[in-house]
Amino acid sequence: MRKAHFESLVADALASIPQQFREAMRNIAIVVEDEPSPDLLAEMEIEPPDTLLGLYQGIPLTERRWDTGNQLPDRILIFQGPHERAAEDEGDLANAIAETLIHEIGHYFGMSEEEIEDVEENYWRKKGRESF
């Protein structure tokens, strides 16, 4: 799949996030990369056949000081290759991208893995993206 088409799926996923959360996101870049680097996988202690679908890099909102400012944006990395290899079809790919994006945005807002899993299980998977 061409990168531009994959990026449009990421943009669609972002548009599905409730408006109040999108409006609260400040100084954050969502970046599509082809693959996680071998160094990143080693740093995260991820060994094949496992891989990385996305990654939040930055300081979660809950850990920022009142005087935080004038800094480079936080980043959410979405890795195209692992998503494409794991998806059965384009609909499955779109859902996986959205779920990864929700997961990484959760980290931006300072949510723990457990809290994010709760959102994924009790909201995302039960109601589906159409409910946003």
Protein backbone atom coordinates (compact mmCIF):
# COMPACT_ATOMS: atom_id res chain seq x y z
CA MET A 1 0.00 0.00 0.00
CA ARG A 2 1.26 3.46 -0.79
CA LYS A 3 2.26 5.53 2.20
CA ALA A 4 -0.20 8.30 1.27
CA HIS A 5 -3.13 5.86 1.44
CA PHE A 6 -1.93 4.49 4.78
CA GLU A 7 -1.60 8.06 6.08
CA SER A 8 -5.19 8.73 5.00
CA LEU A 9 -6.30 5.75 7.11
CA VAL A 10 -4.39 7.25 10.05
CA ALA A 11 -6.12 10.61 9.44
CA ASP A 12 -9.51 8.87 9.35
CA ALA A 13 -8.70 7.13 12.63
CA LEU A 14 -7.72 10.45 14.20
CA ALA A 15 -10.97 12.02 12.99
CA SER A 16 -12.88 9.22 14.79
CA ILE A 17 -11.45 10.22 18.18
CA PRO A 18 -14.05 12.22 20.17
CA GLN A 19 -13.69 15.93 19.55
CA GLN A 20 -13.04 16.84 23.19
CA PHE A 21 -9.93 14.63 23.16
CA ARG A 22 -8.70 15.89 19.79
CA GLU A 23 -9.08 19.48 20.98
CA ALA A 24 -7.11 18.69 24.16
CA MET A 25 -4.16 17.34 22.17
CA ARG A 26 -1.49 20.04 21.96
CA ASN A 27 2.02 20.05 20.55
CA ILE A 28 1.91 16.46 19.34
CA ALA A 29 2.86 15.05 15.94
CA ILE A 30 1.45 11.83 14.53
CA VAL A 31 4.09 10.31 12.28
CA VAL A 32 3.90 7.29 9.99
CA GLU A 33 7.11 5.31 9.69
CA ASP A 34 7.71 2.20 7.60
CA GLU A 35 9.13 -0.04 10.33
CA PRO A 36 10.40 0.22 13.89
CA SER A 37 14.19 0.34 13.83
CA PRO A 38 16.20 -2.61 15.15
CA ASP A 39 17.62 -0.28 17.81
CA LEU A 40 14.13 0.73 18.95
CA LEU A 41 13.00 -2.89 19.12
CA ALA A 42 16.10 -3.76 21.16
CA GLU A 43 15.53 -0.78 23.47
CA MET A 44 11.93 -1.90 24.02
CA GLU A 45 13.12 -5.52 24.48
CA ILE A 46 10.91 -6.75 21.63
CA GLU A 47 12.19 -9.84 19.87
CA PRO A 48 10.87 -11.51 16.70
CA PRO A 49 8.29 -12.64 15.93
CA ASP A 50 6.85 -9.81 18.07
CA THR A 51 6.96 -6.28 16.74
CA LEU A 52 5.79 -2.77 17.48
CA LEU A 53 2.68 -1.21 15.94
CA GLY A 54 2.96 2.23 17.52
CA LEU A 55 4.82 4.24 20.11
CA TYR A 56 4.20 7.39 22.11
CA GLN A 57 7.34 9.48 22.68
CA GLY A 58 7.04 12.39 25.05
CA ILE A 59 5.96 13.49 28.48
CA PRO A 60 2.39 12.47 29.37
CA LEU A 61 0.11 15.35 30.31
CA THR A 62 -0.20 14.02 33.85
CA GLU A 63 3.57 14.31 34.35
CA ARG A 64 4.10 17.80 32.97
CA ARG A 65 4.97 20.73 35.12
CA TRP A 66 2.97 23.94 34.99
CA ASP A 67 5.85 25.73 33.23
CA THR A 68 6.30 23.17 30.44
CA GLY A 69 6.59 24.89 27.11
CA ASN A 70 8.82 25.83 24.19
CA GLN A 71 9.75 22.26 23.42
CA LEU A 72 9.61 19.98 20.42
CA PRO A 73 6.29 18.21 19.99
CA ASP A 74 5.59 14.85 21.52
CA ARG A 75 5.26 12.15 18.86
CA ILE A 76 3.05 9.21 18.17
CA LEU A 77 4.71 6.83 15.74
CA ILE A 78 2.51 4.50 13.71
CA PHE A 79 4.43 1.74 11.92
CA GLN A 80 2.98 0.87 8.52
CA GLY A 81 4.73 -2.43 7.81
CA PRO A 82 3.69 -4.29 10.97
CA HIS A 83 0.10 -3.09 10.56
CA GLU A 84 -0.09 -4.24 6.96
CA ARG A 85 1.40 -7.65 7.71
CA ALA A 86 -1.04 -8.26 10.57
CA ALA A 87 -4.20 -7.12 8.76
CA GLU A 88 -6.48 -9.49 6.89
CA ASP A 89 -7.99 -6.76 4.68
CA GLU A 90 -8.31 -2.99 4.50
CA GLY A 91 -11.16 -2.86 7.02
CA ASP A 92 -9.11 -4.85 9.49
CA LEU A 93 -6.15 -2.55 8.78
CA ALA A 94 -8.24 0.57 9.44
CA ASN A 95 -9.48 -0.86 12.75
CA ALA A 96 -5.95 -1.85 13.82
CA ILE A 97 -4.62 1.62 13.02
CA ALA A 98 -7.44 3.22 15.02
CA GLU A 99 -6.86 0.93 17.98
CA THR A 100 -3.12 1.65 17.94
CA LEU A 101 -3.78 5.38 17.73
CA ILE A 102 -6.23 5.24 20.65
CA HIS A 103 -3.67 3.29 22.66
CA GLU A 104 -0.88 5.80 22.04
CA ILE A 105 -3.15 8.80 22.63
CA GLY A 106 -4.04 7.17 25.95
CA HIS A 107 -0.35 7.30 26.88
CA TYR A 108 -0.25 10.99 25.87
CA PHE A 109 -3.08 11.64 28.33
CA GLY A 110 -1.18 9.75 31.04
CA MET A 111 -3.26 6.59 31.12
CA SER A 112 -1.70 3.35 32.36
CA GLU A 113 -1.65 0.16 30.28
CA GLU A 114 -4.49 -1.18 32.44
CA GLU A 115 -6.63 1.93 31.89
CA ILE A 116 -5.99 1.80 28.15
CA GLU A 117 -6.88 -1.90 28.03
CA ASP A 118 -10.12 -1.07 29.86
CA VAL A 119 -10.99 1.55 27.23
CA GLU A 120 -10.13 -0.87 24.43
CA GLU A 121 -12.14 -3.72 25.94
CA ASN A 122 -15.17 -1.86 27.28
CA TYR A 123 -15.54 0.88 24.73
CA TRP A 124 -13.60 0.32 21.54
CA ARG A 125 -14.29 -3.37 20.95
CA LYS A 126 -17.86 -3.38 22.30
CA LYS A 127 -19.18 -0.30 20.58
CA GLY A 128 -16.85 -0.05 17.62
CA ARG A 129 -15.45 3.01 15.94
CA GLU A 130 -18.84 3.97 14.50
CA SER A 131 -19.90 5.10 18.00
CA PHE A 132 -17.39 7.93 18.15
